[in-house]
Amino acid sequence: GGFAVESVVEKRTINTLIPALKDAGASDLLEMPISKIVA
């Protein structure tokens, strides 16, 4: 079993965050840009 986690992070953190997640055992990572936020 596993978990699905969805998160929004600052763009400047991606270059260090993705390798850290992989080192912690994460797999099947998907990076998607946010083009519009409607509040």
PDB file of N, CA and C in Angstrom:
ATOM      1  N   GLY A   1       0.829  -1.181   0.000  1.00  0.00           N
ATOM      2  CA  GLY A   1       0.000   0.000   0.000  1.00  0.00           C
ATOM      3  C   GLY A   1       0.869   1.237   0.000  1.00  0.00           C
ATOM      4  N   GLY A   2       0.254   2.301  -0.339  1.00  0.00           N
ATOM      5  CA  GLY A   2       0.961   3.573  -0.374  1.00  0.00           C
ATOM      6  C   GLY A   2       0.005   4.715  -0.129  1.00  0.00           C
ATOM      7  N   PHE A   3       0.504   5.882  -0.310  1.00  0.00           N
ATOM      8  CA  PHE A   3      -0.271   7.087  -0.079  1.00  0.00           C
ATOM      9  C   PHE A   3      -0.166   8.004  -1.283  1.00  0.00           C
ATOM     10  N   ALA A   4      -1.231   8.736  -1.547  1.00  0.00           N
ATOM     11  CA  ALA A   4      -1.209   9.793  -2.554  1.00  0.00           C
ATOM     12  C   ALA A   4      -1.198  11.121  -1.804  1.00  0.00           C
ATOM     13  N   VAL A   5      -0.210  11.948  -2.101  1.00  0.00           N
ATOM     14  CA  VAL A   5      -0.076  13.231  -1.421  1.00  0.00           C
ATOM     15  C   VAL A   5      -0.055  14.321  -2.473  1.00  0.00           C
ATOM     16  N   GLU A   6      -0.842  15.355  -2.255  1.00  0.00           N
ATOM     17  CA  GLU A   6      -0.888  16.495  -3.174  1.00  0.00           C
ATOM     18  C   GLU A   6      -0.456  17.728  -2.396  1.00  0.00           C
ATOM     19  N   SER A   7       0.420  18.529  -2.999  1.00  0.00           N
ATOM     20  CA  SER A   7       0.952  19.677  -2.280  1.00  0.00           C
ATOM     21  C   SER A   7       1.259  20.814  -3.240  1.00  0.00           C
ATOM     22  N   VAL A   8       1.241  22.019  -2.728  1.00  0.00           N
ATOM     23  CA  VAL A   8       1.644  23.201  -3.484  1.00  0.00           C
ATOM     24  C   VAL A   8       2.840  23.796  -2.755  1.00  0.00           C
ATOM     25  N   VAL A   9       3.932  24.009  -3.487  1.00  0.00           N
ATOM     26  CA  VAL A   9       5.149  24.554  -2.883  1.00  0.00           C
ATOM     27  C   VAL A   9       5.679  25.695  -3.741  1.00  0.00           C
ATOM     28  N   GLU A  10       6.533  26.493  -3.148  1.00  0.00           N
ATOM     29  CA  GLU A  10       7.142  27.593  -3.893  1.00  0.00           C
ATOM     30  C   GLU A  10       8.038  27.038  -4.989  1.00  0.00           C
ATOM     31  N   LYS A  11       7.981  27.671  -6.152  1.00  0.00           N
ATOM     32  CA  LYS A  11       8.753  27.204  -7.306  1.00  0.00           C
ATOM     33  C   LYS A  11      10.245  27.123  -7.006  1.00  0.00           C
ATOM     34  N   ARG A  12      10.751  28.042  -6.206  1.00  0.00           N
ATOM     35  CA  ARG A  12      12.192  28.079  -5.932  1.00  0.00           C
ATOM     36  C   ARG A  12      12.666  26.893  -5.101  1.00  0.00           C
ATOM     37  N   THR A  13      11.744  26.137  -4.492  1.00  0.00           N
ATOM     38  CA  THR A  13      12.139  25.004  -3.650  1.00  0.00           C
ATOM     39  C   THR A  13      12.172  23.680  -4.405  1.00  0.00           C
ATOM     40  N   ILE A  14      11.670  23.649  -5.629  1.00  0.00           N
ATOM     41  CA  ILE A  14      11.528  22.390  -6.369  1.00  0.00           C
ATOM     42  C   ILE A  14      12.868  21.690  -6.591  1.00  0.00           C
ATOM     43  N   ASN A  15      13.914  22.452  -6.922  1.00  0.00           N
ATOM     44  CA  ASN A  15      15.210  21.833  -7.236  1.00  0.00           C
ATOM     45  C   ASN A  15      15.805  21.059  -6.068  1.00  0.00           C
ATOM     46  N   THR A  16      15.476  21.429  -4.852  1.00  0.00           N
ATOM     47  CA  THR A  16      15.966  20.674  -3.695  1.00  0.00           C
ATOM     48  C   THR A  16      14.906  19.737  -3.141  1.00  0.00           C
ATOM     49  N   LEU A  17      13.648  20.086  -3.307  1.00  0.00           N
ATOM     50  CA  LEU A  17      12.565  19.279  -2.737  1.00  0.00           C
ATOM     51  C   LEU A  17      12.414  17.928  -3.423  1.00  0.00           C
ATOM     52  N   ILE A  18      12.414  17.898  -4.738  1.00  0.00           N
ATOM     53  CA  ILE A  18      12.206  16.632  -5.452  1.00  0.00           C
ATOM     54  C   ILE A  18      13.308  15.619  -5.132  1.00  0.00           C
ATOM     55  N   PRO A  19      14.592  15.984  -5.177  1.00  0.00           N
ATOM     56  CA  PRO A  19      15.613  15.006  -4.786  1.00  0.00           C
ATOM     57  C   PRO A  19      15.466  14.542  -3.331  1.00  0.00           C
ATOM     58  N   ALA A  20      15.078  15.450  -2.438  1.00  0.00           N
ATOM     59  CA  ALA A  20      14.896  15.072  -1.034  1.00  0.00           C
ATOM     60  C   ALA A  20      13.748  14.081  -0.883  1.00  0.00           C
ATOM     61  N   LEU A  21      12.668  14.292  -1.624  1.00  0.00           N
ATOM     62  CA  LEU A  21      11.536  13.362  -1.577  1.00  0.00           C
ATOM     63  C   LEU A  21      11.939  11.995  -2.116  1.00  0.00           C
ATOM     64  N   LYS A  22      12.697  11.976  -3.209  1.00  0.00           N
ATOM     65  CA  LYS A  22      13.170  10.705  -3.770  1.00  0.00           C
ATOM     66  C   LYS A  22      14.077   9.977  -2.786  1.00  0.00           C
ATOM     67  N   ASP A  23      14.971  10.711  -2.130  1.00  0.00           N
ATOM     68  CA  ASP A  23      15.857  10.112  -1.133  1.00  0.00           C
ATOM     69  C   ASP A  23      15.068   9.515   0.031  1.00  0.00           C
ATOM     70  N   ALA A  24      13.899  10.103   0.314  1.00  0.00           N
ATOM     71  CA  ALA A  24      13.051   9.624   1.406  1.00  0.00           C
ATOM     72  C   ALA A  24      12.148   8.475   0.968  1.00  0.00           C
ATOM     73  N   GLY A  25      12.240   8.085  -0.326  1.00  0.00           N
ATOM     74  CA  GLY A  25      11.477   6.937  -0.801  1.00  0.00           C
ATOM     75  C   GLY A  25      10.270   7.260  -1.657  1.00  0.00           C
ATOM     76  N   ALA A  26      10.068   8.521  -1.983  1.00  0.00           N
ATOM     77  CA  ALA A  26       8.930   8.891  -2.822  1.00  0.00           C
ATOM     78  C   ALA A  26       9.125   8.361  -4.241  1.00  0.00           C
ATOM     79  N   SER A  27       8.021   8.074  -4.908  1.00  0.00           N
ATOM     80  CA  SER A  27       8.083   7.617  -6.301  1.00  0.00           C
ATOM     81  C   SER A  27       6.917   8.223  -7.069  1.00  0.00           C
ATOM     82  N   ASP A  28       6.996   8.153  -8.379  1.00  0.00           N
ATOM     83  CA  ASP A  28       5.931   8.661  -9.250  1.00  0.00           C
ATOM     84  C   ASP A  28       5.573  10.111  -8.930  1.00  0.00           C
ATOM     85  N   LEU A  29       6.568  10.971  -8.921  1.00  0.00           N
ATOM     86  CA  LEU A  29       6.359  12.389  -8.635  1.00  0.00           C
ATOM     87  C   LEU A  29       5.891  13.108  -9.896  1.00  0.00           C
ATOM     88  N   LEU A  30       4.955  14.010  -9.728  1.00  0.00           N
ATOM     89  CA  LEU A  30       4.407  14.771 -10.843  1.00  0.00           C
ATOM     90  C   LEU A  30       4.498  16.247 -10.502  1.00  0.00           C
ATOM     91  N   GLU A  31       5.153  17.010 -11.362  1.00  0.00           N
ATOM     92  CA  GLU A  31       5.275  18.454 -11.172  1.00  0.00           C
ATOM     93  C   GLU A  31       4.407  19.144 -12.211  1.00  0.00           C
ATOM     94  N   MET A  32       3.504  20.014 -11.747  1.00  0.00           N
ATOM     95  CA  MET A  32       2.602  20.724 -12.654  1.00  0.00           C
ATOM     96  C   MET A  32       2.594  22.207 -12.294  1.00  0.00           C
ATOM     97  N   PRO A  33       2.711  23.080 -13.278  1.00  0.00           N
ATOM     98  CA  PRO A  33       2.646  24.514 -12.979  1.00  0.00           C
ATOM     99  C   PRO A  33       1.203  24.948 -12.710  1.00  0.00           C
ATOM    100  N   ILE A  34       1.056  25.947 -11.872  1.00  0.00           N
ATOM    101  CA  ILE A  34      -0.265  26.537 -11.638  1.00  0.00           C
ATOM    102  C   ILE A  34      -0.354  27.768 -12.526  1.00  0.00           C
ATOM    103  N   SER A  35      -1.292  27.760 -13.437  1.00  0.00           N
ATOM    104  CA  SER A  35      -1.398  28.882 -14.362  1.00  0.00           C
ATOM    105  C   SER A  35      -2.390  29.940 -13.882  1.00  0.00           C
ATOM    106  N   LYS A  36      -3.341  29.539 -13.031  1.00  0.00           N
ATOM    107  CA  LYS A  36      -4.326  30.506 -12.559  1.00  0.00           C
ATOM    108  C   LYS A  36      -4.895  30.019 -11.241  1.00  0.00           C
ATOM    109  N   ILE A  37      -5.043  30.936 -10.300  1.00  0.00           N
ATOM    110  CA  ILE A  37      -5.703  30.629  -9.035  1.00  0.00           C
ATOM    111  C   ILE A  37      -6.960  31.479  -8.974  1.00  0.00           C
ATOM    112  N   VAL A  38      -8.095  30.832  -8.806  1.00  0.00           N
ATOM    113  CA  VAL A  38      -9.372  31.532  -8.714  1.00  0.00           C
ATOM    114  C   VAL A  38      -9.862  31.413  -7.277  1.00  0.00           C
ATOM    115  N   ALA A  39     -10.022  32.547  -6.622  1.00  0.00           N
ATOM    116  CA  ALA A  39     -10.454  32.523  -5.213  1.00  0.00           C
ATOM    117  C   ALA A  39     -11.899  32.941  -5.088  1.00  0.00           C
TER     118      ALA A  39
END
